[in-house]
Amino acid sequence: MANYRMELRIGMDLRRKGKMEKVTEFAERMRKVQEEARTALVKAQKEMKRQADRERKEAKIWKVGDKVILSTKDFMFKEQLVRKSVDQYISLYIIDEVISTNAVKLQLPTLMRIHLVVNVSWVV
């Protein structure tokens, strides 16, 4: 089960006692291997979660009507502008709708030509 993700095919009934000591030992050994694999996976999962959460921080909760500043960090401009000369943030905009904890819809001017729904990492 641990290696092949399917039940072992043993052509005998394991409930009968008799000449099948080897089969029952094999089945018991496989049960122990499966338990060890399960505990190792749970331990690895906890360790991965701990490492991932180390860099994470609580997300700010945005509400409709909040004024935010839009970051230009990931914007692509038509003209080749020198990165230093471009402002780091653009004007204040109002949040029109909170889509999820990760996305908000902003009231942007039509000349901006970007999608109205942006990731919260773009707003400050």
PDB file of N, CA and C in Angstrom:
ATOM      1  N   MET A   1       0.832  -1.189   0.000  1.00  0.00           N
ATOM      2  CA  MET A   1       0.000   0.000   0.000  1.00  0.00           C
ATOM      3  C   MET A   1       0.879   1.256   0.000  1.00  0.00           C
ATOM      4  N   ALA A   2       1.970   1.231   0.765  1.00  0.00           N
ATOM      5  CA  ALA A   2       2.819   2.412   0.843  1.00  0.00           C
ATOM      6  C   ALA A   2       3.533   2.668  -0.485  1.00  0.00           C
ATOM      7  N   ASN A   3       3.907   1.635  -1.193  1.00  0.00           N
ATOM      8  CA  ASN A   3       4.651   1.810  -2.436  1.00  0.00           C
ATOM      9  C   ASN A   3       3.762   1.957  -3.658  1.00  0.00           C
ATOM     10  N   TYR A   4       2.707   1.146  -3.766  1.00  0.00           N
ATOM     11  CA  TYR A   4       1.948   1.061  -4.999  1.00  0.00           C
ATOM     12  C   TYR A   4       0.555   1.664  -4.934  1.00  0.00           C
ATOM     13  N   ARG A   5       0.139   2.189  -3.794  1.00  0.00           N
ATOM     14  CA  ARG A   5      -1.159   2.834  -3.585  1.00  0.00           C
ATOM     15  C   ARG A   5      -2.323   1.914  -3.921  1.00  0.00           C
ATOM     16  N   MET A   6      -2.176   0.643  -3.658  1.00  0.00           N
ATOM     17  CA  MET A   6      -3.277  -0.305  -3.816  1.00  0.00           C
ATOM     18  C   MET A   6      -3.073  -1.428  -2.812  1.00  0.00           C
ATOM     19  N   GLU A   7      -4.155  -2.126  -2.556  1.00  0.00           N
ATOM     20  CA  GLU A   7      -4.099  -3.225  -1.597  1.00  0.00           C
ATOM     21  C   GLU A   7      -3.209  -4.345  -2.122  1.00  0.00           C
ATOM     22  N   LEU A   8      -2.545  -5.036  -1.203  1.00  0.00           N
ATOM     23  CA  LEU A   8      -1.727  -6.175  -1.581  1.00  0.00           C
ATOM     24  C   LEU A   8      -2.628  -7.331  -2.003  1.00  0.00           C
ATOM     25  N   ARG A   9      -2.219  -8.021  -3.028  1.00  0.00           N
ATOM     26  CA  ARG A   9      -3.006  -9.162  -3.496  1.00  0.00           C
ATOM     27  C   ARG A   9      -2.376 -10.434  -2.946  1.00  0.00           C
ATOM     28  N   ILE A  10      -2.988 -10.950  -1.931  1.00  0.00           N
ATOM     29  CA  ILE A  10      -2.550 -12.213  -1.342  1.00  0.00           C
ATOM     30  C   ILE A  10      -3.698 -13.181  -1.556  1.00  0.00           C
ATOM     31  N   GLY A  11      -3.414 -14.283  -2.190  1.00  0.00           N
ATOM     32  CA  GLY A  11      -4.477 -15.198  -2.559  1.00  0.00           C
ATOM     33  C   GLY A  11      -4.938 -16.098  -1.435  1.00  0.00           C
ATOM     34  N   MET A  12      -4.761 -15.685  -0.196  1.00  0.00           N
ATOM     35  CA  MET A  12      -5.158 -16.524   0.933  1.00  0.00           C
ATOM     36  C   MET A  12      -5.983 -15.718   1.911  1.00  0.00           C
ATOM     37  N   ASP A  13      -6.710 -16.397   2.715  1.00  0.00           N
ATOM     38  CA  ASP A  13      -7.486 -15.760   3.760  1.00  0.00           C
ATOM     39  C   ASP A  13      -6.579 -15.567   4.964  1.00  0.00           C
ATOM     40  N   LEU A  14      -6.367 -14.332   5.384  1.00  0.00           N
ATOM     41  CA  LEU A  14      -5.443 -14.044   6.489  1.00  0.00           C
ATOM     42  C   LEU A  14      -6.045 -14.384   7.853  1.00  0.00           C
ATOM     43  N   ARG A  15      -7.348 -14.579   7.896  1.00  0.00           N
ATOM     44  CA  ARG A  15      -7.986 -14.849   9.184  1.00  0.00           C
ATOM     45  C   ARG A  15      -7.758 -16.277   9.658  1.00  0.00           C
ATOM     46  N   ARG A  16      -7.461 -17.167   8.745  1.00  0.00           N
ATOM     47  CA  ARG A  16      -7.241 -18.558   9.149  1.00  0.00           C
ATOM     48  C   ARG A  16      -5.898 -18.688   9.842  1.00  0.00           C
ATOM     49  N   LYS A  17      -5.876 -19.351  10.925  1.00  0.00           N
ATOM     50  CA  LYS A  17      -4.621 -19.640  11.625  1.00  0.00           C
ATOM     51  C   LYS A  17      -4.154 -21.022  11.172  1.00  0.00           C
ATOM     52  N   GLY A  18      -2.917 -21.185  11.046  1.00  0.00           N
ATOM     53  CA  GLY A  18      -2.428 -22.489  10.622  1.00  0.00           C
ATOM     54  C   GLY A  18      -1.028 -22.355  10.075  1.00  0.00           C
ATOM     55  N   LYS A  19      -0.873 -22.687   8.799  1.00  0.00           N
ATOM     56  CA  LYS A  19       0.440 -22.689   8.182  1.00  0.00           C
ATOM     57  C   LYS A  19       0.812 -21.335   7.572  1.00  0.00           C
ATOM     58  N   MET A  20       0.102 -20.256   7.908  1.00  0.00           N
ATOM     59  CA  MET A  20       0.323 -18.970   7.271  1.00  0.00           C
ATOM     60  C   MET A  20       1.038 -17.988   8.185  1.00  0.00           C
ATOM     61  N   GLU A  21       1.946 -18.409   8.996  1.00  0.00           N
ATOM     62  CA  GLU A  21       2.658 -17.487   9.873  1.00  0.00           C
ATOM     63  C   GLU A  21       3.441 -16.456   9.062  1.00  0.00           C
ATOM     64  N   LYS A  22       4.040 -16.849   7.977  1.00  0.00           N
ATOM     65  CA  LYS A  22       4.830 -15.940   7.160  1.00  0.00           C
ATOM     66  C   LYS A  22       3.958 -14.842   6.542  1.00  0.00           C
ATOM     67  N   VAL A  23       2.762 -15.215   6.096  1.00  0.00           N
ATOM     68  CA  VAL A  23       1.862 -14.242   5.486  1.00  0.00           C
ATOM     69  C   VAL A  23       1.409 -13.229   6.521  1.00  0.00           C
ATOM     70  N   THR A  24       1.056 -13.681   7.704  1.00  0.00           N
ATOM     71  CA  THR A  24       0.630 -12.741   8.739  1.00  0.00           C
ATOM     72  C   THR A  24       1.787 -11.854   9.170  1.00  0.00           C
ATOM     73  N   GLU A  25       3.005 -12.398   9.216  1.00  0.00           N
ATOM     74  CA  GLU A  25       4.162 -11.561   9.543  1.00  0.00           C
ATOM     75  C   GLU A  25       4.369 -10.492   8.465  1.00  0.00           C
ATOM     76  N   PHE A  26       4.219 -10.895   7.201  1.00  0.00           N
ATOM     77  CA  PHE A  26       4.364  -9.950   6.102  1.00  0.00           C
ATOM     78  C   PHE A  26       3.304  -8.849   6.184  1.00  0.00           C
ATOM     79  N   ALA A  27       2.069  -9.238   6.443  1.00  0.00           N
ATOM     80  CA  ALA A  27       0.988  -8.253   6.548  1.00  0.00           C
ATOM     81  C   ALA A  27       1.225  -7.312   7.721  1.00  0.00           C
ATOM     82  N   GLU A  28       1.709  -7.820   8.830  1.00  0.00           N
ATOM     83  CA  GLU A  28       1.999  -6.982  10.002  1.00  0.00           C
ATOM     84  C   GLU A  28       3.150  -6.022   9.692  1.00  0.00           C
ATOM     85  N   ARG A  29       4.168  -6.529   8.997  1.00  0.00           N
ATOM     86  CA  ARG A  29       5.288  -5.679   8.630  1.00  0.00           C
ATOM     87  C   ARG A  29       4.832  -4.558   7.690  1.00  0.00           C
ATOM     88  N   MET A  30       3.961  -4.872   6.746  1.00  0.00           N
ATOM     89  CA  MET A  30       3.443  -3.860   5.834  1.00  0.00           C
ATOM     90  C   MET A  30       2.594  -2.825   6.580  1.00  0.00           C
ATOM     91  N   ARG A  31       1.837  -3.261   7.570  1.00  0.00           N
ATOM     92  CA  ARG A  31       1.032  -2.339   8.376  1.00  0.00           C
ATOM     93  C   ARG A  31       1.942  -1.374   9.134  1.00  0.00           C
ATOM     94  N   LYS A  32       3.053  -1.879   9.655  1.00  0.00           N
ATOM     95  CA  LYS A  32       4.005  -1.020  10.371  1.00  0.00           C
ATOM     96  C   LYS A  32       4.667  -0.035   9.416  1.00  0.00           C
ATOM     97  N   VAL A  33       5.010  -0.496   8.216  1.00  0.00           N
ATOM     98  CA  VAL A  33       5.608   0.395   7.213  1.00  0.00           C
ATOM     99  C   VAL A  33       4.642   1.518   6.862  1.00  0.00           C
ATOM    100  N   GLN A  34       3.384   1.169   6.727  1.00  0.00           N
ATOM    101  CA  GLN A  34       2.378   2.173   6.392  1.00  0.00           C
ATOM    102  C   GLN A  34       2.239   3.197   7.522  1.00  0.00           C
ATOM    103  N   GLU A  35       2.226   2.747   8.755  1.00  0.00           N
ATOM    104  CA  GLU A  35       2.129   3.671   9.891  1.00  0.00           C
ATOM    105  C   GLU A  35       3.355   4.583   9.956  1.00  0.00           C
ATOM    106  N   GLU A  36       4.537   4.023   9.740  1.00  0.00           N
ATOM    107  CA  GLU A  36       5.750   4.841   9.751  1.00  0.00           C
ATOM    108  C   GLU A  36       5.731   5.864   8.630  1.00  0.00           C
ATOM    109  N   ALA A  37       5.257   5.462   7.462  1.00  0.00           N
ATOM    110  CA  ALA A  37       5.159   6.391   6.334  1.00  0.00           C
ATOM    111  C   ALA A  37       4.169   7.506   6.647  1.00  0.00           C
ATOM    112  N   ARG A  38       3.050   7.155   7.263  1.00  0.00           N
ATOM    113  CA  ARG A  38       2.044   8.162   7.615  1.00  0.00           C
ATOM    114  C   ARG A  38       2.611   9.170   8.612  1.00  0.00           C
ATOM    115  N   THR A  39       3.309   8.693   9.655  1.00  0.00           N
ATOM    116  CA  THR A  39       3.873   9.612  10.644  1.00  0.00           C
ATOM    117  C   THR A  39       4.973  10.477  10.027  1.00  0.00           C
ATOM    118  N   ALA A  40       5.772   9.892   9.123  1.00  0.00           N
ATOM    119  CA  ALA A  40       6.811  10.683   8.459  1.00  0.00           C
ATOM    120  C   ALA A  40       6.196  11.775   7.589  1.00  0.00           C
ATOM    121  N   LEU A  41       5.098  11.464   6.889  1.00  0.00           N
ATOM    122  CA  LEU A  41       4.433  12.458   6.056  1.00  0.00           C
ATOM    123  C   LEU A  41       3.825  13.579   6.892  1.00  0.00           C
ATOM    124  N   VAL A  42       3.235  13.225   8.012  1.00  0.00           N
ATOM    125  CA  VAL A  42       2.648  14.253   8.892  1.00  0.00           C
ATOM    126  C   VAL A  42       3.747  15.153   9.441  1.00  0.00           C
ATOM    127  N   LYS A  43       4.861  14.570   9.832  1.00  0.00           N
ATOM    128  CA  LYS A  43       5.985  15.350  10.355  1.00  0.00           C
ATOM    129  C   LYS A  43       6.537  16.278   9.280  1.00  0.00           C
ATOM    130  N   ALA A  44       6.696  15.774   8.049  1.00  0.00           N
ATOM    131  CA  ALA A  44       7.195  16.605   6.958  1.00  0.00           C
ATOM    132  C   ALA A  44       6.218  17.729   6.631  1.00  0.00           C
ATOM    133  N   GLN A  45       4.924  17.432   6.700  1.00  0.00           N
ATOM    134  CA  GLN A  45       3.910  18.450   6.422  1.00  0.00           C
ATOM    135  C   GLN A  45       3.973  19.575   7.455  1.00  0.00           C
ATOM    136  N   LYS A  46       4.130  19.228   8.718  1.00  0.00           N
ATOM    137  CA  LYS A  46       4.227  20.245   9.772  1.00  0.00           C
ATOM    138  C   LYS A  46       5.483  21.092   9.600  1.00  0.00           C
ATOM    139  N   GLU A  47       6.584  20.458   9.232  1.00  0.00           N
ATOM    140  CA  GLU A  47       7.834  21.184   9.030  1.00  0.00           C
ATOM    141  C   GLU A  47       7.725  22.136   7.841  1.00  0.00           C
ATOM    142  N   MET A  48       7.092  21.695   6.746  1.00  0.00           N
ATOM    143  CA  MET A  48       6.904  22.564   5.587  1.00  0.00           C
ATOM    144  C   MET A  48       6.011  23.751   5.923  1.00  0.00           C
ATOM    145  N   LYS A  49       4.961  23.507   6.702  1.00  0.00           N
ATOM    146  CA  LYS A  49       4.076  24.594   7.104  1.00  0.00           C
ATOM    147  C   LYS A  49       4.817  25.604   7.968  1.00  0.00           C
ATOM    148  N   ARG A  50       5.643  25.103   8.872  1.00  0.00           N
ATOM    149  CA  ARG A  50       6.412  25.996   9.743  1.00  0.00           C
ATOM    150  C   ARG A  50       7.366  26.861   8.927  1.00  0.00           C
ATOM    151  N   GLN A  51       8.045  26.255   7.948  1.00  0.00           N
ATOM    152  CA  GLN A  51       8.980  27.005   7.113  1.00  0.00           C
ATOM    153  C   GLN A  51       8.256  28.024   6.233  1.00  0.00           C
ATOM    154  N   ALA A  52       7.097  27.655   5.697  1.00  0.00           N
ATOM    155  CA  ALA A  52       6.346  28.574   4.838  1.00  0.00           C
ATOM    156  C   ALA A  52       5.768  29.732   5.642  1.00  0.00           C
ATOM    157  N   ASP A  53       5.290  29.466   6.843  1.00  0.00           N
ATOM    158  CA  ASP A  53       4.685  30.512   7.663  1.00  0.00           C
ATOM    159  C   ASP A  53       5.720  31.454   8.262  1.00  0.00           C
ATOM    160  N   ARG A  54       6.978  31.090   8.207  1.00  0.00           N
ATOM    161  CA  ARG A  54       8.024  31.921   8.801  1.00  0.00           C
ATOM    162  C   ARG A  54       8.101  33.285   8.119  1.00  0.00           C
ATOM    163  N   GLU A  55       7.921  33.338   6.806  1.00  0.00           N
ATOM    164  CA  GLU A  55       8.015  34.580   6.049  1.00  0.00           C
ATOM    165  C   GLU A  55       6.675  35.281   5.867  1.00  0.00           C
ATOM    166  N   ARG A  56       5.592  34.619   6.198  1.00  0.00           N
ATOM    167  CA  ARG A  56       4.273  35.201   5.976  1.00  0.00           C
ATOM    168  C   ARG A  56       3.908  36.160   7.096  1.00  0.00           C
ATOM    169  N   LYS A  57       3.069  37.103   6.739  1.00  0.00           N
ATOM    170  CA  LYS A  57       2.545  38.024   7.740  1.00  0.00           C
ATOM    171  C   LYS A  57       1.046  38.181   7.520  1.00  0.00           C
ATOM    172  N   GLU A  58       0.367  38.711   8.483  1.00  0.00           N
ATOM    173  CA  GLU A  58      -1.079  38.868   8.397  1.00  0.00           C
ATOM    174  C   GLU A  58      -1.435  39.867   7.299  1.00  0.00           C
ATOM    175  N   ALA A  59      -2.421  39.514   6.496  1.00  0.00           N
ATOM    176  CA  ALA A  59      -2.864  40.397   5.415  1.00  0.00           C
ATOM    177  C   ALA A  59      -3.750  41.503   5.988  1.00  0.00           C
ATOM    178  N   LYS A  60      -3.598  42.684   5.431  1.00  0.00           N
ATOM    179  CA  LYS A  60      -4.429  43.800   5.859  1.00  0.00           C
ATOM    180  C   LYS A  60      -5.834  43.615   5.302  1.00  0.00           C
ATOM    181  N   ILE A  61      -6.827  43.908   6.097  1.00  0.00           N
ATOM    182  CA  ILE A  61      -8.222  43.775   5.680  1.00  0.00           C
ATOM    183  C   ILE A  61      -8.668  45.101   5.081  1.00  0.00           C
ATOM    184  N   TRP A  62      -9.061  45.065   3.817  1.00  0.00           N
ATOM    185  CA  TRP A  62      -9.520  46.267   3.129  1.00  0.00           C
ATOM    186  C   TRP A  62     -11.043  46.312   3.135  1.00  0.00           C
ATOM    187  N   LYS A  63     -11.591  47.542   3.156  1.00  0.00           N
ATOM    188  CA  LYS A  63     -13.032  47.741   3.135  1.00  0.00           C
ATOM    189  C   LYS A  63     -13.396  48.618   1.947  1.00  0.00           C
ATOM    190  N   VAL A  64     -14.643  48.525   1.526  1.00  0.00           N
ATOM    191  CA  VAL A  64     -15.140  49.367   0.433  1.00  0.00           C
ATOM    192  C   VAL A  64     -15.079  50.825   0.889  1.00  0.00           C
ATOM    193  N   GLY A  65     -14.534  51.665   0.030  1.00  0.00           N
ATOM    194  CA  GLY A  65     -14.428  53.084   0.344  1.00  0.00           C
ATOM    195  C   GLY A  65     -13.058  53.489   0.858  1.00  0.00           C
ATOM    196  N   ASP A  66     -12.201  52.535   1.187  1.00  0.00           N
ATOM    197  CA  ASP A  66     -10.841  52.866   1.617  1.00  0.00           C
ATOM    198  C   ASP A  66     -10.077  53.496   0.465  1.00  0.00           C
ATOM    199  N   LYS A  67      -9.224  54.452   0.791  1.00  0.00           N
ATOM    200  CA  LYS A  67      -8.380  55.071  -0.220  1.00  0.00           C
ATOM    201  C   LYS A  67      -7.014  54.400  -0.173  1.00  0.00           C
ATOM    202  N   VAL A  68      -6.540  53.993  -1.348  1.00  0.00           N
ATOM    203  CA  VAL A  68      -5.265  53.284  -1.436  1.00  0.00           C
ATOM    204  C   VAL A  68      -4.382  53.921  -2.500  1.00  0.00           C
ATOM    205  N   ILE A  69      -3.085  53.671  -2.375  1.00  0.00           N
ATOM    206  CA  ILE A  69      -2.118  54.119  -3.360  1.00  0.00           C
ATOM    207  C   ILE A  69      -1.707  52.905  -4.168  1.00  0.00           C
ATOM    208  N   LEU A  70      -1.655  53.037  -5.493  1.00  0.00           N
ATOM    209  CA  LEU A  70      -1.339  51.927  -6.386  1.00  0.00           C
ATOM    210  C   LEU A  70       0.163  51.900  -6.672  1.00  0.00           C
ATOM    211  N   SER A  71       0.772  50.744  -6.535  1.00  0.00           N
ATOM    212  CA  SER A  71       2.202  50.565  -6.782  1.00  0.00           C
ATOM    213  C   SER A  71       2.455  50.363  -8.275  1.00  0.00           C
ATOM    214  N   THR A  72       3.563  50.910  -8.787  1.00  0.00           N
ATOM    215  CA  THR A  72       3.928  50.749 -10.196  1.00  0.00           C
ATOM    216  C   THR A  72       5.018  49.703 -10.381  1.00  0.00           C
ATOM    217  N   LYS A  73       5.276  48.935  -9.379  1.00  0.00           N
ATOM    218  CA  LYS A  73       6.377  47.972  -9.410  1.00  0.00           C
ATOM    219  C   LYS A  73       6.279  46.991 -10.577  1.00  0.00           C
ATOM    220  N   ASP A  74       5.103  46.445 -10.850  1.00  0.00           N
ATOM    221  CA  ASP A  74       4.942  45.429 -11.883  1.00  0.00           C
ATOM    222  C   ASP A  74       4.307  45.962 -13.166  1.00  0.00           C
ATOM    223  N   PHE A  75       4.217  47.260 -13.313  1.00  0.00           N
ATOM    224  CA  PHE A  75       3.619  47.831 -14.524  1.00  0.00           C
ATOM    225  C   PHE A  75       4.597  47.767 -15.690  1.00  0.00           C
ATOM    226  N   MET A  76       4.061  47.555 -16.888  1.00  0.00           N
ATOM    227  CA  MET A  76       4.851  47.603 -18.120  1.00  0.00           C
ATOM    228  C   MET A  76       4.426  48.860 -18.864  1.00  0.00           C
ATOM    229  N   PHE A  77       5.368  49.742 -19.147  1.00  0.00           N
ATOM    230  CA  PHE A  77       5.064  50.986 -19.836  1.00  0.00           C
ATOM    231  C   PHE A  77       5.409  50.863 -21.319  1.00  0.00           C
ATOM    232  N   LYS A  78       4.660  51.599 -22.179  1.00  0.00           N
ATOM    233  CA  LYS A  78       4.927  51.553 -23.618  1.00  0.00           C
ATOM    234  C   LYS A  78       6.315  52.122 -23.917  1.00  0.00           C
ATOM    235  N   GLU A  79       6.603  53.271 -23.358  1.00  0.00           N
ATOM    236  CA  GLU A  79       7.898  53.891 -23.583  1.00  0.00           C
ATOM    237  C   GLU A  79       8.921  53.224 -22.678  1.00  0.00           C
ATOM    238  N   GLN A  80      10.132  53.175 -23.121  1.00  0.00           N
ATOM    239  CA  GLN A  80      11.209  52.643 -22.288  1.00  0.00           C
ATOM    240  C   GLN A  80      11.615  53.743 -21.311  1.00  0.00           C
ATOM    241  N   LEU A  81      11.055  53.721 -20.155  1.00  0.00           N
ATOM    242  CA  LEU A  81      11.366  54.715 -19.146  1.00  0.00           C
ATOM    243  C   LEU A  81      12.461  54.181 -18.228  1.00  0.00           C
ATOM    244  N   VAL A  82      13.271  55.084 -17.769  1.00  0.00           N
ATOM    245  CA  VAL A  82      14.284  54.681 -16.806  1.00  0.00           C
ATOM    246  C   VAL A  82      13.565  54.372 -15.501  1.00  0.00           C
ATOM    247  N   ARG A  83      13.854  53.224 -14.931  1.00  0.00           N
ATOM    248  CA  ARG A  83      13.137  52.763 -13.740  1.00  0.00           C
ATOM    249  C   ARG A  83      13.247  53.763 -12.591  1.00  0.00           C
ATOM    250  N   LYS A  84      14.380  54.446 -12.507  1.00  0.00           N
ATOM    251  CA  LYS A  84      14.554  55.410 -11.413  1.00  0.00           C
ATOM    252  C   LYS A  84      13.634  56.612 -11.556  1.00  0.00           C
ATOM    253  N   SER A  85      13.350  57.000 -12.810  1.00  0.00           N
ATOM    254  CA  SER A  85      12.567  58.221 -13.018  1.00  0.00           C
ATOM    255  C   SER A  85      11.064  58.005 -12.842  1.00  0.00           C
ATOM    256  N   VAL A  86      10.608  56.752 -12.834  1.00  0.00           N
ATOM    257  CA  VAL A  86       9.182  56.471 -12.684  1.00  0.00           C
ATOM    258  C   VAL A  86       8.822  56.511 -11.200  1.00  0.00           C
ATOM    259  N   ASP A  87       7.680  57.123 -10.918  1.00  0.00           N
ATOM    260  CA  ASP A  87       7.234  57.166  -9.525  1.00  0.00           C
ATOM    261  C   ASP A  87       6.965  55.755  -9.012  1.00  0.00           C
ATOM    262  N   GLN A  88       7.271  55.541  -7.748  1.00  0.00           N
ATOM    263  CA  GLN A  88       7.077  54.218  -7.169  1.00  0.00           C
ATOM    264  C   GLN A  88       5.595  53.923  -6.942  1.00  0.00           C
ATOM    265  N   TYR A  89       4.827  54.940  -6.630  1.00  0.00           N
ATOM    266  CA  TYR A  89       3.392  54.780  -6.371  1.00  0.00           C
ATOM    267  C   TYR A  89       2.623  55.820  -7.160  1.00  0.00           C
ATOM    268  N   ILE A  90       1.381  55.472  -7.505  1.00  0.00           N
ATOM    269  CA  ILE A  90       0.502  56.384  -8.238  1.00  0.00           C
ATOM    270  C   ILE A  90      -0.621  56.797  -7.309  1.00  0.00           C
ATOM    271  N   SER A  91      -1.114  57.956  -7.470  1.00  0.00           N
ATOM    272  CA  SER A  91      -2.204  58.633  -6.798  1.00  0.00           C
ATOM    273  C   SER A  91      -3.154  57.775  -5.952  1.00  0.00           C
ATOM    274  N   LEU A  92      -4.024  58.432  -5.236  1.00  0.00           N
ATOM    275  CA  LEU A  92      -5.018  57.761  -4.385  1.00  0.00           C
ATOM    276  C   LEU A  92      -6.197  57.266  -5.220  1.00  0.00           C
ATOM    277  N   TYR A  93      -6.614  56.049  -4.957  1.00  0.00           N
ATOM    278  CA  TYR A  93      -7.801  55.488  -5.605  1.00  0.00           C
ATOM    279  C   TYR A  93      -8.689  54.872  -4.543  1.00  0.00           C
ATOM    280  N   ILE A  94      -9.977  54.817  -4.843  1.00  0.00           N
ATOM    281  CA  ILE A  94     -10.954  54.301  -3.877  1.00  0.00           C
ATOM    282  C   ILE A  94     -11.277  52.850  -4.218  1.00  0.00           C
ATOM    283  N   ILE A  95     -11.392  52.035  -3.182  1.00  0.00           N
ATOM    284  CA  ILE A  95     -11.770  50.635  -3.383  1.00  0.00           C
ATOM    285  C   ILE A  95     -13.267  50.579  -3.650  1.00  0.00           C
ATOM    286  N   ASP A  96     -13.617  50.023  -4.794  1.00  0.00           N
ATOM    287  CA  ASP A  96     -15.010  49.931  -5.217  1.00  0.00           C
ATOM    288  C   ASP A  96     -15.664  48.661  -4.673  1.00  0.00           C
ATOM    289  N   GLU A  97     -14.891  47.569  -4.614  1.00  0.00           N
ATOM    290  CA  GLU A  97     -15.436  46.286  -4.178  1.00  0.00           C
ATOM    291  C   GLU A  97     -14.286  45.413  -3.683  1.00  0.00           C
ATOM    292  N   VAL A  98     -14.547  44.669  -2.626  1.00  0.00           N
ATOM    293  CA  VAL A  98     -13.569  43.704  -2.127  1.00  0.00           C
ATOM    294  C   VAL A  98     -13.951  42.346  -2.700  1.00  0.00           C
ATOM    295  N   ILE A  99     -13.135  41.834  -3.630  1.00  0.00           N
ATOM    296  CA  ILE A  99     -13.431  40.564  -4.286  1.00  0.00           C
ATOM    297  C   ILE A  99     -13.128  39.401  -3.340  1.00  0.00           C
ATOM    298  N   SER A 100     -11.947  39.413  -2.760  1.00  0.00           N
ATOM    299  CA  SER A 100     -11.533  38.395  -1.795  1.00  0.00           C
ATOM    300  C   SER A 100     -10.466  39.017  -0.906  1.00  0.00           C
ATOM    301  N   THR A 101      -9.886  38.222  -0.034  1.00  0.00           N
ATOM    302  CA  THR A 101      -8.820  38.758   0.809  1.00  0.00           C
ATOM    303  C   THR A 101      -7.580  39.070  -0.015  1.00  0.00           C
ATOM    304  N   ASN A 102      -7.526  38.549  -1.249  1.00  0.00           N
ATOM    305  CA  ASN A 102      -6.361  38.738  -2.110  1.00  0.00           C
ATOM    306  C   ASN A 102      -6.570  39.732  -3.240  1.00  0.00           C
ATOM    307  N   ALA A 103      -7.796  40.137  -3.510  1.00  0.00           N
ATOM    308  CA  ALA A 103      -8.063  41.002  -4.652  1.00  0.00           C
ATOM    309  C   ALA A 103      -9.102  42.060  -4.306  1.00  0.00           C
ATOM    310  N   VAL A 104      -8.878  43.264  -4.861  1.00  0.00           N
ATOM    311  CA  VAL A 104      -9.834  44.361  -4.686  1.00  0.00           C
ATOM    312  C   VAL A 104     -10.088  45.010  -6.041  1.00  0.00           C
ATOM    313  N   LYS A 105     -11.266  45.588  -6.185  1.00  0.00           N
ATOM    314  CA  LYS A 105     -11.615  46.301  -7.409  1.00  0.00           C
ATOM    315  C   LYS A 105     -11.514  47.797  -7.111  1.00  0.00           C
ATOM    316  N   LEU A 106     -10.762  48.499  -7.942  1.00  0.00           N
ATOM    317  CA  LEU A 106     -10.522  49.923  -7.716  1.00  0.00           C
ATOM    318  C   LEU A 106     -11.297  50.773  -8.709  1.00  0.00           C
ATOM    319  N   GLN A 107     -11.555  52.013  -8.325  1.00  0.00           N
ATOM    320  CA  GLN A 107     -12.138  52.997  -9.239  1.00  0.00           C
ATOM    321  C   GLN A 107     -10.972  53.692  -9.937  1.00  0.00           C
ATOM    322  N   LEU A 108     -10.615  53.192 -11.125  1.00  0.00           N
ATOM    323  CA  LEU A 108      -9.470  53.723 -11.864  1.00  0.00           C
ATOM    324  C   LEU A 108      -9.949  54.538 -13.051  1.00  0.00           C
ATOM    325  N   PRO A 109      -9.167  55.537 -13.478  1.00  0.00           N
ATOM    326  CA  PRO A 109      -9.522  56.263 -14.692  1.00  0.00           C
ATOM    327  C   PRO A 109      -9.377  55.355 -15.913  1.00  0.00           C
ATOM    328  N   THR A 110     -10.172  55.621 -16.950  1.00  0.00           N
ATOM    329  CA  THR A 110     -10.155  54.759 -18.143  1.00  0.00           C
ATOM    330  C   THR A 110      -8.837  54.863 -18.899  1.00  0.00           C
ATOM    331  N   LEU A 111      -8.089  55.919 -18.728  1.00  0.00           N
ATOM    332  CA  LEU A 111      -6.819  56.080 -19.435  1.00  0.00           C
ATOM    333  C   LEU A 111      -5.725  55.152 -18.906  1.00  0.00           C
ATOM    334  N   MET A 112      -5.925  54.579 -17.751  1.00  0.00           N
ATOM    335  CA  MET A 112      -4.876  53.727 -17.176  1.00  0.00           C
ATOM    336  C   MET A 112      -4.739  52.412 -17.932  1.00  0.00           C
ATOM    337  N   ARG A 113      -5.798  51.914 -18.490  1.00  0.00           N
ATOM    338  CA  ARG A 113      -5.798  50.682 -19.288  1.00  0.00           C
ATOM    339  C   ARG A 113      -5.196  49.491 -18.547  1.00  0.00           C
ATOM    340  N   ILE A 114      -5.560  49.339 -17.312  1.00  0.00           N
ATOM    341  CA  ILE A 114      -5.236  48.123 -16.580  1.00  0.00           C
ATOM    342  C   ILE A 114      -6.542  47.564 -16.040  1.00  0.00           C
ATOM    343  N   HIS A 115      -6.523  46.319 -15.658  1.00  0.00           N
ATOM    344  CA  HIS A 115      -7.727  45.677 -15.136  1.00  0.00           C
ATOM    345  C   HIS A 115      -8.103  46.324 -13.815  1.00  0.00           C
ATOM    346  N   LEU A 116      -9.391  46.503 -13.589  1.00  0.00           N
ATOM    347  CA  LEU A 116      -9.854  47.163 -12.367  1.00  0.00           C
ATOM    348  C   LEU A 116      -9.618  46.325 -11.127  1.00  0.00           C
ATOM    349  N   VAL A 117      -9.584  44.993 -11.270  1.00  0.00           N
ATOM    350  CA  VAL A 117      -9.342  44.106 -10.138  1.00  0.00           C
ATOM    351  C   VAL A 117      -7.841  43.875 -10.034  1.00  0.00           C
ATOM    352  N   VAL A 118      -7.278  44.257  -8.892  1.00  0.00           N
ATOM    353  CA  VAL A 118      -5.840  44.106  -8.691  1.00  0.00           C
ATOM    354  C   VAL A 118      -5.572  43.318  -7.426  1.00  0.00           C
ATOM    355  N   ASN A 119      -4.404  42.740  -7.369  1.00  0.00           N
ATOM    356  CA  ASN A 119      -3.975  42.012  -6.184  1.00  0.00           C
ATOM    357  C   ASN A 119      -3.670  43.002  -5.070  1.00  0.00           C
ATOM    358  N   VAL A 120      -3.878  42.601  -3.829  1.00  0.00           N
ATOM    359  CA  VAL A 120      -3.646  43.502  -2.699  1.00  0.00           C
ATOM    360  C   VAL A 120      -2.164  43.828  -2.520  1.00  0.00           C
ATOM    361  N   SER A 121      -1.284  43.062  -3.142  1.00  0.00           N
ATOM    362  CA  SER A 121       0.145  43.378  -3.043  1.00  0.00           C
ATOM    363  C   SER A 121       0.469  44.627  -3.849  1.00  0.00           C
ATOM    364  N   TRP A 122      -0.416  45.043  -4.749  1.00  0.00           N
ATOM    365  CA  TRP A 122      -0.200  46.248  -5.544  1.00  0.00           C
ATOM    366  C   TRP A 122      -0.648  47.519  -4.838  1.00  0.00           C
ATOM    367  N   VAL A 123      -1.442  47.385  -3.782  1.00  0.00           N
ATOM    368  CA  VAL A 123      -1.978  48.585  -3.120  1.00  0.00           C
ATOM    369  C   VAL A 123      -1.326  48.755  -1.747  1.00  0.00           C
ATOM    370  N   VAL A 124      -1.224  50.020  -1.380  1.00  0.00           N
ATOM    371  CA  VAL A 124      -0.641  50.374  -0.072  1.00  0.00           C
ATOM    372  C   VAL A 124      -1.594  51.302   0.637  1.00  0.00           C
TER     373      VAL A 124
END
